[in-house]
Amino acid sequence: TLSVTLCSFFVSLGISCHNHAVIEFEHRFYVLFVATVTESCSCSSSDPTSPTQVTEGKVKDKHAYALGEEHAAETIDISDNQAALEDKLLEVRARISNISSKLGPQSAHDYERGFTNYIRTHSDSLTRILF
């Protein structure tokens, strides 16, 4: 079931889960998702020469940012279908992890920023659910 799938996902991330809480408060999935995404992309280093340093201001990987925007637009288009929305958010989370491991944390951060900024700008209802 959906609640078992969500609990398995949360447990894999090190987040405790109670089935009744997932069923009763489905919006918490979105809150936990956003918290997990934000935590996974807020990598930085105190060494300015480190290749893992993430710059908070300017977007450095414009392609990753644009891809995040594209995926946010797709997410908004399916936001009325809860199952499809949950699948899309899991896909975005996996993509952030994949981008981070293949292209580095800066690109993952820029992808996530493109995704979240687009949703905040184009969908008030989804923004209220996710953020």
Protein backbone atom coordinates (compact mmCIF):
# COMPACT_ATOMS: atom_id res chain seq x y z
CA THR A 1 0.00 0.00 0.00
CA LEU A 2 0.97 3.64 -0.25
CA SER A 3 1.53 3.99 3.49
CA VAL A 4 3.91 1.01 3.54
CA THR A 5 5.79 2.41 0.54
CA LEU A 6 6.11 5.82 2.16
CA CYS A 7 7.22 4.31 5.45
CA SER A 8 9.85 2.23 3.66
CA PHE A 9 11.08 5.35 1.91
CA PHE A 10 11.27 7.32 5.16
CA VAL A 11 13.04 4.49 7.00
CA SER A 12 15.60 4.25 4.17
CA LEU A 13 16.34 7.93 4.82
CA GLY A 14 16.73 7.34 8.53
CA ILE A 15 13.38 8.91 9.41
CA SER A 16 11.10 7.01 11.78
CA CYS A 17 7.65 6.29 10.47
CA HIS A 18 4.31 5.20 11.88
CA ASN A 19 1.74 3.92 9.40
CA HIS A 20 -1.19 5.69 11.04
CA ALA A 21 0.67 9.01 10.89
CA VAL A 22 1.34 8.62 7.17
CA ILE A 23 -2.27 7.77 6.43
CA GLU A 24 -3.74 10.44 8.68
CA PHE A 25 -1.36 13.23 7.72
CA GLU A 26 -0.49 12.64 4.07
CA HIS A 27 0.70 16.22 3.68
CA ARG A 28 3.56 15.38 6.05
CA PHE A 29 5.01 13.33 3.22
CA TYR A 30 5.53 16.52 1.29
CA VAL A 31 6.97 18.32 4.29
CA LEU A 32 9.38 15.46 4.99
CA PHE A 33 10.27 15.28 1.31
CA VAL A 34 11.16 18.96 1.18
CA ALA A 35 13.12 18.74 4.41
CA THR A 36 15.04 15.77 3.04
CA VAL A 37 15.72 17.51 -0.27
CA THR A 38 16.87 20.67 1.45
CA GLU A 39 19.13 18.74 3.80
CA SER A 40 20.64 16.66 1.02
CA CYS A 41 21.42 19.72 -1.11
CA SER A 42 22.78 22.02 1.54
CA CYS A 43 26.27 20.58 1.27
CA SER A 44 29.07 23.03 1.74
CA SER A 45 32.66 23.10 2.81
CA SER A 46 34.63 25.59 4.81
CA ASP A 47 37.52 25.14 2.36
CA PRO A 48 36.94 27.57 -0.54
CA THR A 49 39.10 25.43 -2.85
CA SER A 50 37.05 22.32 -2.17
CA PRO A 51 35.19 20.97 -5.21
CA THR A 52 32.19 20.12 -3.01
CA GLN A 53 31.51 23.72 -1.99
CA VAL A 54 28.02 24.91 -2.86
CA THR A 55 27.49 28.55 -3.70
CA GLU A 56 24.20 29.84 -2.34
CA GLY A 57 23.87 33.02 -4.43
CA LYS A 58 24.34 32.76 -8.15
CA VAL A 59 23.28 29.72 -10.16
CA LYS A 60 26.40 28.07 -11.51
CA ASP A 61 24.89 25.13 -13.41
CA LYS A 62 22.23 26.73 -15.58
CA HIS A 63 21.39 23.44 -17.28
CA ALA A 64 20.64 21.78 -13.93
CA TYR A 65 18.57 24.78 -12.86
CA ALA A 66 16.58 24.68 -16.13
CA LEU A 67 16.03 20.93 -15.73
CA GLY A 68 14.71 21.56 -12.21
CA GLU A 69 12.30 24.13 -13.63
CA GLU A 70 11.18 21.70 -16.33
CA HIS A 71 10.50 18.98 -13.77
CA ALA A 72 8.66 21.46 -11.55
CA ALA A 73 6.38 22.36 -14.47
CA GLU A 74 5.67 18.66 -14.98
CA THR A 75 4.96 18.34 -11.24
CA ILE A 76 2.49 21.21 -11.33
CA ASP A 77 0.73 19.62 -14.32
CA ILE A 78 0.08 16.41 -12.37
CA SER A 79 -0.50 17.96 -8.94
CA ASP A 80 -4.21 17.02 -8.98
CA ASN A 81 -3.28 13.31 -9.03
CA GLN A 82 -1.87 12.41 -5.60
CA ALA A 83 -0.29 9.10 -6.61
CA ALA A 84 1.40 10.63 -9.67
CA LEU A 85 2.53 13.60 -7.59
CA GLU A 86 4.11 11.36 -4.96
CA ASP A 87 5.88 9.35 -7.67
CA LYS A 88 7.15 12.54 -9.28
CA LEU A 89 8.48 13.87 -5.97
CA LEU A 90 10.30 10.60 -5.33
CA GLU A 91 11.72 10.81 -8.85
CA VAL A 92 12.93 14.37 -8.19
CA ARG A 93 14.55 13.25 -4.92
CA ALA A 94 16.33 10.42 -6.73
CA ARG A 95 17.45 12.79 -9.49
CA ILE A 96 18.92 15.20 -6.93
CA SER A 97 20.95 12.36 -5.45
CA ASN A 98 22.04 11.19 -8.89
CA ILE A 99 23.06 14.68 -10.00
CA SER A 100 25.01 15.17 -6.78
CA SER A 101 26.96 11.93 -7.23
CA LYS A 102 27.64 12.41 -10.97
CA LEU A 103 27.98 16.18 -11.37
CA GLY A 104 28.58 17.38 -7.82
CA PRO A 105 26.64 19.06 -5.04
CA GLN A 106 26.57 22.46 -6.77
CA SER A 107 24.67 21.05 -9.74
CA ALA A 108 22.30 19.20 -7.41
CA HIS A 109 21.73 22.39 -5.44
CA ASP A 110 21.03 24.34 -8.63
CA TYR A 111 18.59 21.65 -9.83
CA GLU A 112 16.75 21.74 -6.49
CA ARG A 113 16.66 25.55 -6.55
CA GLY A 114 15.24 25.54 -10.08
CA PHE A 115 12.59 23.04 -8.98
CA THR A 116 11.55 24.84 -5.80
CA ASN A 117 11.73 28.37 -7.23
CA TYR A 118 9.56 27.40 -10.19
CA ILE A 119 6.92 25.83 -7.97
CA ARG A 120 6.95 28.82 -5.61
CA THR A 121 6.49 31.17 -8.56
CA HIS A 122 3.88 29.22 -10.53
CA SER A 123 1.71 27.28 -8.06
CA ASP A 124 0.47 28.78 -4.81
CA SER A 125 -1.49 25.65 -3.90
CA LEU A 126 1.45 23.30 -4.42
CA THR A 127 3.74 25.74 -2.62
CA ARG A 128 1.45 25.60 0.43
CA ILE A 129 1.58 21.78 0.38
CA LEU A 130 5.31 21.40 -0.21
CA PHE A 131 6.82 24.36 1.58
